[in-house]
Amino acid sequence: MKRLIQMFALVLAFGISVSVLAMGLDEAKQKLDSVKQQGLVGETPTGYLEVVRAEGQAKEVVEAINSARRDEYKRIAEKHNIPVTQVETVAGKKAIEKTPSGQYVQMGGKWVKK
């Protein structure tokens, strides 16, 4: 019984530590412009961000923002009864168009500075 309690405590502690390490959406939104301006993150035609250079918290920002985007794309697709891929493609095109000069976008599978 004591061993079971210890195992449960370990699993619980691990779960809490992982959730503490995960970046929240609000924090990711606050850091997004900075990581884009630093050239760490770029927009893709798929409607999602990708890491250009794996430095700092680039990966965590990408994961948090992409998760929120995925949920929103799914919601839009369901509302309009269209495939999610169609929403992703339109969103990717718009995101690339709106990307300011000096930031990275993916074109033909390669990163280019806009």
PDB file of N, CA and C in Angstrom:
ATOM      1  N   MET A   1       0.827  -1.189   0.000  1.00  0.00           N
ATOM      2  CA  MET A   1       0.000   0.000   0.000  1.00  0.00           C
ATOM      3  C   MET A   1       0.877   1.261   0.000  1.00  0.00           C
ATOM      4  N   LYS A   2       1.927   1.225   0.823  1.00  0.00           N
ATOM      5  CA  LYS A   2       2.823   2.376   0.902  1.00  0.00           C
ATOM      6  C   LYS A   2       3.466   2.630  -0.468  1.00  0.00           C
ATOM      7  N   ARG A   3       3.844   1.559  -1.137  1.00  0.00           N
ATOM      8  CA  ARG A   3       4.463   1.675  -2.470  1.00  0.00           C
ATOM      9  C   ARG A   3       3.474   2.274  -3.474  1.00  0.00           C
ATOM     10  N   LEU A   4       2.221   1.894  -3.380  1.00  0.00           N
ATOM     11  CA  LEU A   4       1.180   2.417  -4.259  1.00  0.00           C
ATOM     12  C   LEU A   4       1.009   3.922  -4.053  1.00  0.00           C
ATOM     13  N   ILE A   5       1.014   4.349  -2.818  1.00  0.00           N
ATOM     14  CA  ILE A   5       0.888   5.778  -2.500  1.00  0.00           C
ATOM     15  C   ILE A   5       2.093   6.547  -3.040  1.00  0.00           C
ATOM     16  N   GLN A   6       3.289   5.966  -2.886  1.00  0.00           N
ATOM     17  CA  GLN A   6       4.492   6.614  -3.410  1.00  0.00           C
ATOM     18  C   GLN A   6       4.424   6.746  -4.931  1.00  0.00           C
ATOM     19  N   MET A   7       3.967   5.695  -5.599  1.00  0.00           N
ATOM     20  CA  MET A   7       3.844   5.729  -7.065  1.00  0.00           C
ATOM     21  C   MET A   7       2.837   6.799  -7.485  1.00  0.00           C
ATOM     22  N   PHE A   8       1.710   6.862  -6.779  1.00  0.00           N
ATOM     23  CA  PHE A   8       0.686   7.852  -7.086  1.00  0.00           C
ATOM     24  C   PHE A   8       1.237   9.264  -6.898  1.00  0.00           C
ATOM     25  N   ALA A   9       1.962   9.478  -5.812  1.00  0.00           N
ATOM     26  CA  ALA A   9       2.551  10.792  -5.543  1.00  0.00           C
ATOM     27  C   ALA A   9       3.554  11.172  -6.628  1.00  0.00           C
ATOM     28  N   LEU A  10       4.336  10.207  -7.082  1.00  0.00           N
ATOM     29  CA  LEU A  10       5.314  10.457  -8.138  1.00  0.00           C
ATOM     30  C   LEU A  10       4.624  10.835  -9.446  1.00  0.00           C
ATOM     31  N   VAL A  11       3.594  10.077  -9.802  1.00  0.00           N
ATOM     32  CA  VAL A  11       2.841  10.368 -11.029  1.00  0.00           C
ATOM     33  C   VAL A  11       2.189  11.739 -10.934  1.00  0.00           C
ATOM     34  N   LEU A  12       1.608  12.055  -9.791  1.00  0.00           N
ATOM     35  CA  LEU A  12       0.969  13.349  -9.585  1.00  0.00           C
ATOM     36  C   LEU A  12       1.992  14.480  -9.687  1.00  0.00           C
ATOM     37  N   ALA A  13       3.135  14.312  -9.050  1.00  0.00           N
ATOM     38  CA  ALA A  13       4.187  15.336  -9.105  1.00  0.00           C
ATOM     39  C   ALA A  13       4.683  15.527 -10.529  1.00  0.00           C
ATOM     40  N   PHE A  14       4.848  14.442 -11.274  1.00  0.00           N
ATOM     41  CA  PHE A  14       5.290  14.536 -12.663  1.00  0.00           C
ATOM     42  C   PHE A  14       4.261  15.279 -13.495  1.00  0.00           C
ATOM     43  N   GLY A  15       2.994  14.978 -13.299  1.00  0.00           N
ATOM     44  CA  GLY A  15       1.924  15.652 -14.041  1.00  0.00           C
ATOM     45  C   GLY A  15       1.893  17.140 -13.758  1.00  0.00           C
ATOM     46  N   ILE A  16       2.073  17.503 -12.514  1.00  0.00           N
ATOM     47  CA  ILE A  16       2.084  18.919 -12.146  1.00  0.00           C
ATOM     48  C   ILE A  16       3.296  19.616 -12.753  1.00  0.00           C
ATOM     49  N   SER A  17       4.464  18.984 -12.702  1.00  0.00           N
ATOM     50  CA  SER A  17       5.667  19.628 -13.238  1.00  0.00           C
ATOM     51  C   SER A  17       5.567  19.803 -14.748  1.00  0.00           C
ATOM     52  N   VAL A  18       4.967  18.853 -15.458  1.00  0.00           N
ATOM     53  CA  VAL A  18       4.806  18.986 -16.904  1.00  0.00           C
ATOM     54  C   VAL A  18       3.860  20.128 -17.225  1.00  0.00           C
ATOM     55  N   SER A  19       2.760  20.248 -16.478  1.00  0.00           N
ATOM     56  CA  SER A  19       1.811  21.317 -16.765  1.00  0.00           C
ATOM     57  C   SER A  19       2.399  22.686 -16.446  1.00  0.00           C
ATOM     58  N   VAL A  20       3.284  22.756 -15.466  1.00  0.00           N
ATOM     59  CA  VAL A  20       3.940  24.020 -15.144  1.00  0.00           C
ATOM     60  C   VAL A  20       4.890  24.417 -16.272  1.00  0.00           C
ATOM     61  N   LEU A  21       5.535  23.431 -16.883  1.00  0.00           N
ATOM     62  CA  LEU A  21       6.479  23.714 -17.958  1.00  0.00           C
ATOM     63  C   LEU A  21       5.789  24.130 -19.254  1.00  0.00           C
ATOM     64  N   ALA A  22       4.570  23.683 -19.474  1.00  0.00           N
ATOM     65  CA  ALA A  22       3.857  24.009 -20.704  1.00  0.00           C
ATOM     66  C   ALA A  22       3.514  25.496 -20.713  1.00  0.00           C
ATOM     67  N   MET A  23       3.777  26.134 -21.851  1.00  0.00           N
ATOM     68  CA  MET A  23       3.506  27.554 -21.975  1.00  0.00           C
ATOM     69  C   MET A  23       2.027  27.767 -22.253  1.00  0.00           C
ATOM     70  N   GLY A  24       1.438  28.711 -21.569  1.00  0.00           N
ATOM     71  CA  GLY A  24       0.040  29.046 -21.794  1.00  0.00           C
ATOM     72  C   GLY A  24      -0.118  29.902 -23.041  1.00  0.00           C
ATOM     73  N   LEU A  25      -1.335  29.943 -23.562  1.00  0.00           N
ATOM     74  CA  LEU A  25      -1.622  30.696 -24.779  1.00  0.00           C
ATOM     75  C   LEU A  25      -1.353  32.187 -24.603  1.00  0.00           C
ATOM     76  N   ASP A  26      -1.747  32.748 -23.467  1.00  0.00           N
ATOM     77  CA  ASP A  26      -1.526  34.183 -23.249  1.00  0.00           C
ATOM     78  C   ASP A  26      -0.042  34.531 -23.283  1.00  0.00           C
ATOM     79  N   GLU A  27       0.761  33.712 -22.630  1.00  0.00           N
ATOM     80  CA  GLU A  27       2.210  33.947 -22.628  1.00  0.00           C
ATOM     81  C   GLU A  27       2.778  33.796 -24.037  1.00  0.00           C
ATOM     82  N   ALA A  28       2.299  32.789 -24.764  1.00  0.00           N
ATOM     83  CA  ALA A  28       2.773  32.559 -26.134  1.00  0.00           C
ATOM     84  C   ALA A  28       2.420  33.738 -27.033  1.00  0.00           C
ATOM     85  N   LYS A  29       1.217  34.267 -26.882  1.00  0.00           N
ATOM     86  CA  LYS A  29       0.805  35.431 -27.685  1.00  0.00           C
ATOM     87  C   LYS A  29       1.709  36.627 -27.401  1.00  0.00           C
ATOM     88  N   GLN A  30       2.058  36.803 -26.128  1.00  0.00           N
ATOM     89  CA  GLN A  30       2.927  37.920 -25.754  1.00  0.00           C
ATOM     90  C   GLN A  30       4.317  37.790 -26.363  1.00  0.00           C
ATOM     91  N   LYS A  31       4.782  36.562 -26.551  1.00  0.00           N
ATOM     92  CA  LYS A  31       6.138  36.333 -27.051  1.00  0.00           C
ATOM     93  C   LYS A  31       6.201  36.156 -28.565  1.00  0.00           C
ATOM     94  N   LEU A  32       5.048  36.013 -29.221  1.00  0.00           N
ATOM     95  CA  LEU A  32       5.027  35.680 -30.642  1.00  0.00           C
ATOM     96  C   LEU A  32       5.741  36.719 -31.503  1.00  0.00           C
ATOM     97  N   ASP A  33       5.412  37.988 -31.349  1.00  0.00           N
ATOM     98  CA  ASP A  33       6.065  39.018 -32.168  1.00  0.00           C
ATOM     99  C   ASP A  33       7.578  39.002 -31.983  1.00  0.00           C
ATOM    100  N   SER A  34       8.006  38.837 -30.755  1.00  0.00           N
ATOM    101  CA  SER A  34       9.440  38.835 -30.465  1.00  0.00           C
ATOM    102  C   SER A  34      10.157  37.676 -31.154  1.00  0.00           C
ATOM    103  N   VAL A  35       9.609  36.464 -31.056  1.00  0.00           N
ATOM    104  CA  VAL A  35      10.293  35.320 -31.672  1.00  0.00           C
ATOM    105  C   VAL A  35      10.244  35.393 -33.195  1.00  0.00           C
ATOM    106  N   LYS A  36       9.198  36.021 -33.733  1.00  0.00           N
ATOM    107  CA  LYS A  36       9.145  36.217 -35.190  1.00  0.00           C
ATOM    108  C   LYS A  36      10.202  37.240 -35.620  1.00  0.00           C
ATOM    109  N   GLN A  37      10.303  38.347 -34.884  1.00  0.00           N
ATOM    110  CA  GLN A  37      11.273  39.390 -35.222  1.00  0.00           C
ATOM    111  C   GLN A  37      12.711  38.899 -35.076  1.00  0.00           C
ATOM    112  N   GLN A  38      12.937  37.966 -34.173  1.00  0.00           N
ATOM    113  CA  GLN A  38      14.274  37.400 -33.979  1.00  0.00           C
ATOM    114  C   GLN A  38      14.606  36.341 -35.028  1.00  0.00           C
ATOM    115  N   GLY A  39      13.626  35.993 -35.858  1.00  0.00           N
ATOM    116  CA  GLY A  39      13.850  34.982 -36.889  1.00  0.00           C
ATOM    117  C   GLY A  39      13.834  33.559 -36.366  1.00  0.00           C
ATOM    118  N   LEU A  40      13.211  33.361 -35.217  1.00  0.00           N
ATOM    119  CA  LEU A  40      13.151  32.030 -34.621  1.00  0.00           C
ATOM    120  C   LEU A  40      11.951  31.229 -35.115  1.00  0.00           C
ATOM    121  N   VAL A  41      10.905  31.940 -35.528  1.00  0.00           N
ATOM    122  CA  VAL A  41       9.632  31.326 -35.899  1.00  0.00           C
ATOM    123  C   VAL A  41       9.136  31.966 -37.186  1.00  0.00           C
ATOM    124  N   GLY A  42       8.485  31.169 -38.030  1.00  0.00           N
ATOM    125  CA  GLY A  42       7.938  31.704 -39.273  1.00  0.00           C
ATOM    126  C   GLY A  42       6.583  31.104 -39.602  1.00  0.00           C
ATOM    127  N   GLU A  43       5.889  31.769 -40.522  1.00  0.00           N
ATOM    128  CA  GLU A  43       4.576  31.314 -40.988  1.00  0.00           C
ATOM    129  C   GLU A  43       4.752  30.346 -42.154  1.00  0.00           C
ATOM    130  N   THR A  44       3.830  29.392 -42.254  1.00  0.00           N
ATOM    131  CA  THR A  44       3.872  28.410 -43.339  1.00  0.00           C
ATOM    132  C   THR A  44       2.565  28.433 -44.124  1.00  0.00           C
ATOM    133  N   PRO A  45       2.568  27.903 -45.348  1.00  0.00           N
ATOM    134  CA  PRO A  45       1.344  27.843 -46.152  1.00  0.00           C
ATOM    135  C   PRO A  45       0.276  26.926 -45.558  1.00  0.00           C
ATOM    136  N   THR A  46       0.648  26.133 -44.565  1.00  0.00           N
ATOM    137  CA  THR A  46      -0.314  25.218 -43.943  1.00  0.00           C
ATOM    138  C   THR A  46      -1.174  25.898 -42.887  1.00  0.00           C
ATOM    139  N   GLY A  47      -0.886  27.178 -42.608  1.00  0.00           N
ATOM    140  CA  GLY A  47      -1.653  27.901 -41.605  1.00  0.00           C
ATOM    141  C   GLY A  47      -1.088  27.789 -40.204  1.00  0.00           C
ATOM    142  N   TYR A  48       0.055  27.160 -40.090  1.00  0.00           N
ATOM    143  CA  TYR A  48       0.669  26.970 -38.780  1.00  0.00           C
ATOM    144  C   TYR A  48       2.063  27.581 -38.750  1.00  0.00           C
ATOM    145  N   LEU A  49       2.519  27.856 -37.538  1.00  0.00           N
ATOM    146  CA  LEU A  49       3.883  28.327 -37.332  1.00  0.00           C
ATOM    147  C   LEU A  49       4.820  27.135 -37.316  1.00  0.00           C
ATOM    148  N   GLU A  50       6.071  27.397 -37.655  1.00  0.00           N
ATOM    149  CA  GLU A  50       7.122  26.393 -37.485  1.00  0.00           C
ATOM    150  C   GLU A  50       8.357  27.093 -36.949  1.00  0.00           C
ATOM    151  N   VAL A  51       9.185  26.319 -36.296  1.00  0.00           N
ATOM    152  CA  VAL A  51      10.443  26.836 -35.762  1.00  0.00           C
ATOM    153  C   VAL A  51      11.435  26.958 -36.908  1.00  0.00           C
ATOM    154  N   VAL A  52      12.032  28.137 -37.044  1.00  0.00           N
ATOM    155  CA  VAL A  52      13.084  28.373 -38.034  1.00  0.00           C
ATOM    156  C   VAL A  52      14.433  28.053 -37.391  1.00  0.00           C
ATOM    157  N   ARG A  53      14.654  28.597 -36.200  1.00  0.00           N
ATOM    158  CA  ARG A  53      15.866  28.335 -35.413  1.00  0.00           C
ATOM    159  C   ARG A  53      15.431  27.967 -34.001  1.00  0.00           C
ATOM    160  N   ALA A  54      15.826  26.805 -33.570  1.00  0.00           N
ATOM    161  CA  ALA A  54      15.408  26.305 -32.249  1.00  0.00           C
ATOM    162  C   ALA A  54      16.235  26.955 -31.145  1.00  0.00           C
ATOM    163  N   GLU A  55      15.813  28.131 -30.742  1.00  0.00           N
ATOM    164  CA  GLU A  55      16.474  28.853 -29.654  1.00  0.00           C
ATOM    165  C   GLU A  55      15.416  29.370 -28.696  1.00  0.00           C
ATOM    166  N   GLY A  56      15.819  29.590 -27.465  1.00  0.00           N
ATOM    167  CA  GLY A  56      14.908  30.152 -26.475  1.00  0.00           C
ATOM    168  C   GLY A  56      13.639  29.325 -26.343  1.00  0.00           C
ATOM    169  N   GLN A  57      12.524  30.023 -26.323  1.00  0.00           N
ATOM    170  CA  GLN A  57      11.236  29.355 -26.152  1.00  0.00           C
ATOM    171  C   GLN A  57      10.464  29.243 -27.465  1.00  0.00           C
ATOM    172  N   ALA A  58      11.173  29.242 -28.579  1.00  0.00           N
ATOM    173  CA  ALA A  58      10.522  29.186 -29.888  1.00  0.00           C
ATOM    174  C   ALA A  58       9.587  27.986 -30.005  1.00  0.00           C
ATOM    175  N   LYS A  59      10.055  26.826 -29.606  1.00  0.00           N
ATOM    176  CA  LYS A  59       9.244  25.607 -29.732  1.00  0.00           C
ATOM    177  C   LYS A  59       7.971  25.701 -28.897  1.00  0.00           C
ATOM    178  N   GLU A  60       8.084  26.199 -27.682  1.00  0.00           N
ATOM    179  CA  GLU A  60       6.926  26.312 -26.800  1.00  0.00           C
ATOM    180  C   GLU A  60       5.905  27.300 -27.353  1.00  0.00           C
ATOM    181  N   VAL A  61       6.386  28.413 -27.908  1.00  0.00           N
ATOM    182  CA  VAL A  61       5.483  29.395 -28.515  1.00  0.00           C
ATOM    183  C   VAL A  61       4.744  28.758 -29.687  1.00  0.00           C
ATOM    184  N   VAL A  62       5.475  28.075 -30.550  1.00  0.00           N
ATOM    185  CA  VAL A  62       4.878  27.420 -31.720  1.00  0.00           C
ATOM    186  C   VAL A  62       3.816  26.412 -31.290  1.00  0.00           C
ATOM    187  N   GLU A  63       4.128  25.592 -30.308  1.00  0.00           N
ATOM    188  CA  GLU A  63       3.179  24.571 -29.857  1.00  0.00           C
ATOM    189  C   GLU A  63       1.899  25.192 -29.304  1.00  0.00           C
ATOM    190  N   ALA A  64       2.023  26.228 -28.488  1.00  0.00           N
ATOM    191  CA  ALA A  64       0.846  26.856 -27.881  1.00  0.00           C
ATOM    192  C   ALA A  64      -0.013  27.558 -28.930  1.00  0.00           C
ATOM    193  N   ILE A  65       0.623  28.328 -29.814  1.00  0.00           N
ATOM    194  CA  ILE A  65      -0.128  29.052 -30.848  1.00  0.00           C
ATOM    195  C   ILE A  65      -0.759  28.070 -31.824  1.00  0.00           C
ATOM    196  N   ASN A  66      -0.015  27.068 -32.255  1.00  0.00           N
ATOM    197  CA  ASN A  66      -0.561  26.097 -33.210  1.00  0.00           C
ATOM    198  C   ASN A  66      -1.729  25.314 -32.627  1.00  0.00           C
ATOM    199  N   SER A  67      -1.682  25.020 -31.356  1.00  0.00           N
ATOM    200  CA  SER A  67      -2.793  24.319 -30.715  1.00  0.00           C
ATOM    201  C   SER A  67      -4.059  25.169 -30.774  1.00  0.00           C
ATOM    202  N   ALA A  68      -3.923  26.456 -30.471  1.00  0.00           N
ATOM    203  CA  ALA A  68      -5.073  27.362 -30.529  1.00  0.00           C
ATOM    204  C   ALA A  68      -5.560  27.526 -31.965  1.00  0.00           C
ATOM    205  N   ARG A  69      -4.630  27.642 -32.904  1.00  0.00           N
ATOM    206  CA  ARG A  69      -5.016  27.754 -34.312  1.00  0.00           C
ATOM    207  C   ARG A  69      -5.754  26.502 -34.771  1.00  0.00           C
ATOM    208  N   ARG A  70      -5.249  25.335 -34.407  1.00  0.00           N
ATOM    209  CA  ARG A  70      -5.879  24.064 -34.800  1.00  0.00           C
ATOM    210  C   ARG A  70      -7.328  24.020 -34.315  1.00  0.00           C
ATOM    211  N   ASP A  71      -7.552  24.412 -33.072  1.00  0.00           N
ATOM    212  CA  ASP A  71      -8.910  24.430 -32.517  1.00  0.00           C
ATOM    213  C   ASP A  71      -9.804  25.406 -33.276  1.00  0.00           C
ATOM    214  N   GLU A  72      -9.275  26.581 -33.582  1.00  0.00           N
ATOM    215  CA  GLU A  72     -10.057  27.597 -34.296  1.00  0.00           C
ATOM    216  C   GLU A  72     -10.353  27.155 -35.724  1.00  0.00           C
ATOM    217  N   TYR A  73      -9.383  26.579 -36.407  1.00  0.00           N
ATOM    218  CA  TYR A  73      -9.606  26.094 -37.773  1.00  0.00           C
ATOM    219  C   TYR A  73     -10.684  25.013 -37.788  1.00  0.00           C
ATOM    220  N   LYS A  74     -10.637  24.142 -36.798  1.00  0.00           N
ATOM    221  CA  LYS A  74     -11.644  23.074 -36.706  1.00  0.00           C
ATOM    222  C   LYS A  74     -13.029  23.672 -36.481  1.00  0.00           C
ATOM    223  N   ARG A  75     -13.114  24.662 -35.607  1.00  0.00           N
ATOM    224  CA  ARG A  75     -14.393  25.312 -35.323  1.00  0.00           C
ATOM    225  C   ARG A  75     -14.957  25.967 -36.578  1.00  0.00           C
ATOM    226  N   ILE A  76     -14.117  26.678 -37.311  1.00  0.00           N
ATOM    227  CA  ILE A  76     -14.547  27.349 -38.544  1.00  0.00           C
ATOM    228  C   ILE A  76     -14.992  26.322 -39.582  1.00  0.00           C
ATOM    229  N   ALA A  77     -14.227  25.262 -39.729  1.00  0.00           N
ATOM    230  CA  ALA A  77     -14.561  24.219 -40.708  1.00  0.00           C
ATOM    231  C   ALA A  77     -15.911  23.581 -40.394  1.00  0.00           C
ATOM    232  N   GLU A  78     -16.144  23.285 -39.129  1.00  0.00           N
ATOM    233  CA  GLU A  78     -17.418  22.682 -38.737  1.00  0.00           C
ATOM    234  C   GLU A  78     -18.575  23.649 -38.962  1.00  0.00           C
ATOM    235  N   LYS A  79     -18.360  24.911 -38.638  1.00  0.00           N
ATOM    236  CA  LYS A  79     -19.411  25.928 -38.799  1.00  0.00           C
ATOM    237  C   LYS A  79     -19.824  26.068 -40.259  1.00  0.00           C
ATOM    238  N   HIS A  80     -18.857  26.004 -41.174  1.00  0.00           N
ATOM    239  CA  HIS A  80     -19.127  26.212 -42.604  1.00  0.00           C
ATOM    240  C   HIS A  80     -19.210  24.907 -43.393  1.00  0.00           C
ATOM    241  N   ASN A  81     -19.091  23.787 -42.671  1.00  0.00           N
ATOM    242  CA  ASN A  81     -19.182  22.464 -43.295  1.00  0.00           C
ATOM    243  C   ASN A  81     -18.187  22.307 -44.450  1.00  0.00           C
ATOM    244  N   ILE A  82     -16.940  22.647 -44.165  1.00  0.00           N
ATOM    245  CA  ILE A  82     -15.863  22.515 -45.149  1.00  0.00           C
ATOM    246  C   ILE A  82     -14.706  21.762 -44.504  1.00  0.00           C
ATOM    247  N   PRO A  83     -13.801  21.219 -45.309  1.00  0.00           N
ATOM    248  CA  PRO A  83     -12.659  20.501 -44.728  1.00  0.00           C
ATOM    249  C   PRO A  83     -11.719  21.441 -43.965  1.00  0.00           C
ATOM    250  N   VAL A  84     -11.153  20.942 -42.897  1.00  0.00           N
ATOM    251  CA  VAL A  84     -10.193  21.716 -42.104  1.00  0.00           C
ATOM    252  C   VAL A  84      -9.019  22.142 -42.981  1.00  0.00           C
ATOM    253  N   THR A  85      -8.608  21.283 -43.898  1.00  0.00           N
ATOM    254  CA  THR A  85      -7.469  21.617 -44.763  1.00  0.00           C
ATOM    255  C   THR A  85      -7.739  22.866 -45.594  1.00  0.00           C
ATOM    256  N   GLN A  86      -8.982  23.076 -45.956  1.00  0.00           N
ATOM    257  CA  GLN A  86      -9.331  24.280 -46.718  1.00  0.00           C
ATOM    258  C   GLN A  86      -9.152  25.528 -45.848  1.00  0.00           C
ATOM    259  N   VAL A  87      -9.578  25.443 -44.608  1.00  0.00           N
ATOM    260  CA  VAL A  87      -9.411  26.562 -43.673  1.00  0.00           C
ATOM    261  C   VAL A  87      -7.925  26.811 -43.430  1.00  0.00           C
ATOM    262  N   GLU A  88      -7.154  25.750 -43.234  1.00  0.00           N
ATOM    263  CA  GLU A  88      -5.715  25.880 -42.995  1.00  0.00           C
ATOM    264  C   GLU A  88      -5.017  26.568 -44.168  1.00  0.00           C
ATOM    265  N   THR A  89      -5.377  26.188 -45.380  1.00  0.00           N
ATOM    266  CA  THR A  89      -4.747  26.760 -46.576  1.00  0.00           C
ATOM    267  C   THR A  89      -5.043  28.248 -46.700  1.00  0.00           C
ATOM    268  N   VAL A  90      -6.300  28.624 -46.493  1.00  0.00           N
ATOM    269  CA  VAL A  90      -6.676  30.045 -46.568  1.00  0.00           C
ATOM    270  C   VAL A  90      -5.973  30.829 -45.460  1.00  0.00           C
ATOM    271  N   ALA A  91      -5.955  30.269 -44.259  1.00  0.00           N
ATOM    272  CA  ALA A  91      -5.296  30.944 -43.135  1.00  0.00           C
ATOM    273  C   ALA A  91      -3.800  31.093 -43.381  1.00  0.00           C
ATOM    274  N   GLY A  92      -3.178  30.063 -43.943  1.00  0.00           N
ATOM    275  CA  GLY A  92      -1.748  30.129 -44.249  1.00  0.00           C
ATOM    276  C   GLY A  92      -1.430  31.216 -45.251  1.00  0.00           C
ATOM    277  N   LYS A  93      -2.259  31.307 -46.292  1.00  0.00           N
ATOM    278  CA  LYS A  93      -2.057  32.338 -47.317  1.00  0.00           C
ATOM    279  C   LYS A  93      -2.181  33.734 -46.709  1.00  0.00           C
ATOM    280  N   LYS A  94      -3.211  33.934 -45.887  1.00  0.00           N
ATOM    281  CA  LYS A  94      -3.415  35.242 -45.252  1.00  0.00           C
ATOM    282  C   LYS A  94      -2.280  35.576 -44.290  1.00  0.00           C
ATOM    283  N   ALA A  95      -1.837  34.585 -43.513  1.00  0.00           N
ATOM    284  CA  ALA A  95      -0.757  34.827 -42.550  1.00  0.00           C
ATOM    285  C   ALA A  95       0.529  35.225 -43.263  1.00  0.00           C
ATOM    286  N   ILE A  96       0.821  34.568 -44.379  1.00  0.00           N
ATOM    287  CA  ILE A  96       2.024  34.899 -45.148  1.00  0.00           C
ATOM    288  C   ILE A  96       1.901  36.299 -45.742  1.00  0.00           C
ATOM    289  N   GLU A  97       0.722  36.633 -46.265  1.00  0.00           N
ATOM    290  CA  GLU A  97       0.506  37.973 -46.828  1.00  0.00           C
ATOM    291  C   GLU A  97       0.689  39.055 -45.770  1.00  0.00           C
ATOM    292  N   LYS A  98       0.250  38.787 -44.545  1.00  0.00           N
ATOM    293  CA  LYS A  98       0.309  39.784 -43.469  1.00  0.00           C
ATOM    294  C   LYS A  98       1.669  39.842 -42.770  1.00  0.00           C
ATOM    295  N   THR A  99       2.532  38.892 -43.051  1.00  0.00           N
ATOM    296  CA  THR A  99       3.844  38.868 -42.395  1.00  0.00           C
ATOM    297  C   THR A  99       4.664  40.080 -42.823  1.00  0.00           C
ATOM    298  N   PRO A 100       5.162  40.853 -41.867  1.00  0.00           N
ATOM    299  CA  PRO A 100       5.957  42.040 -42.197  1.00  0.00           C
ATOM    300  C   PRO A 100       7.307  41.685 -42.832  1.00  0.00           C
ATOM    301  N   SER A 101       7.855  42.631 -43.554  1.00  0.00           N
ATOM    302  CA  SER A 101       9.193  42.467 -44.132  1.00  0.00           C
ATOM    303  C   SER A 101      10.189  42.162 -43.025  1.00  0.00           C
ATOM    304  N   GLY A 102      11.158  41.310 -43.357  1.00  0.00           N
ATOM    305  CA  GLY A 102      12.201  40.968 -42.402  1.00  0.00           C
ATOM    306  C   GLY A 102      11.902  39.725 -41.583  1.00  0.00           C
ATOM    307  N   GLN A 103      10.665  39.232 -41.663  1.00  0.00           N
ATOM    308  CA  GLN A 103      10.316  38.013 -40.939  1.00  0.00           C
ATOM    309  C   GLN A 103      10.264  36.839 -41.908  1.00  0.00           C
ATOM    310  N   TYR A 104      10.327  35.630 -41.359  1.00  0.00           N
ATOM    311  CA  TYR A 104      10.410  34.430 -42.190  1.00  0.00           C
ATOM    312  C   TYR A 104       9.049  33.849 -42.550  1.00  0.00           C
ATOM    313  N   VAL A 105       8.974  33.404 -43.817  1.00  0.00           N
ATOM    314  CA  VAL A 105       7.836  32.644 -44.314  1.00  0.00           C
ATOM    315  C   VAL A 105       8.394  31.441 -45.067  1.00  0.00           C
ATOM    316  N   GLN A 106       7.599  30.410 -45.138  1.00  0.00           N
ATOM    317  CA  GLN A 106       8.043  29.214 -45.847  1.00  0.00           C
ATOM    318  C   GLN A 106       7.444  29.220 -47.254  1.00  0.00           C
ATOM    319  N   MET A 107       8.313  29.134 -48.249  1.00  0.00           N
ATOM    320  CA  MET A 107       7.898  29.111 -49.652  1.00  0.00           C
ATOM    321  C   MET A 107       8.570  27.923 -50.320  1.00  0.00           C
ATOM    322  N   GLY A 108       7.781  27.052 -50.893  1.00  0.00           N
ATOM    323  CA  GLY A 108       8.353  25.888 -51.567  1.00  0.00           C
ATOM    324  C   GLY A 108       9.180  25.015 -50.651  1.00  0.00           C
ATOM    325  N   GLY A 109       8.800  24.973 -49.370  1.00  0.00           N
ATOM    326  CA  GLY A 109       9.514  24.137 -48.412  1.00  0.00           C
ATOM    327  C   GLY A 109      10.782  24.751 -47.851  1.00  0.00           C
ATOM    328  N   LYS A 110      11.100  25.985 -48.258  1.00  0.00           N
ATOM    329  CA  LYS A 110      12.320  26.653 -47.777  1.00  0.00           C
ATOM    330  C   LYS A 110      11.942  27.944 -47.050  1.00  0.00           C
ATOM    331  N   TRP A 111      12.739  28.284 -46.059  1.00  0.00           N
ATOM    332  CA  TRP A 111      12.525  29.526 -45.328  1.00  0.00           C
ATOM    333  C   TRP A 111      13.122  30.689 -46.102  1.00  0.00           C
ATOM    334  N   VAL A 112      12.326  31.733 -46.272  1.00  0.00           N
ATOM    335  CA  VAL A 112      12.811  32.955 -46.913  1.00  0.00           C
ATOM    336  C   VAL A 112      12.415  34.142 -46.049  1.00  0.00           C
ATOM    337  N   LYS A 113      13.288  35.139 -46.044  1.00  0.00           N
ATOM    338  CA  LYS A 113      12.992  36.367 -45.322  1.00  0.00           C
ATOM    339  C   LYS A 113      12.150  37.229 -46.240  1.00  0.00           C
ATOM    340  N   LYS A 114      11.010  37.632 -45.762  1.00  0.00           N
ATOM    341  CA  LYS A 114      10.084  38.412 -46.583  1.00  0.00           C
ATOM    342  C   LYS A 114      10.582  39.830 -46.751  1.00  0.00           C
TER     343      LYS A 114
END
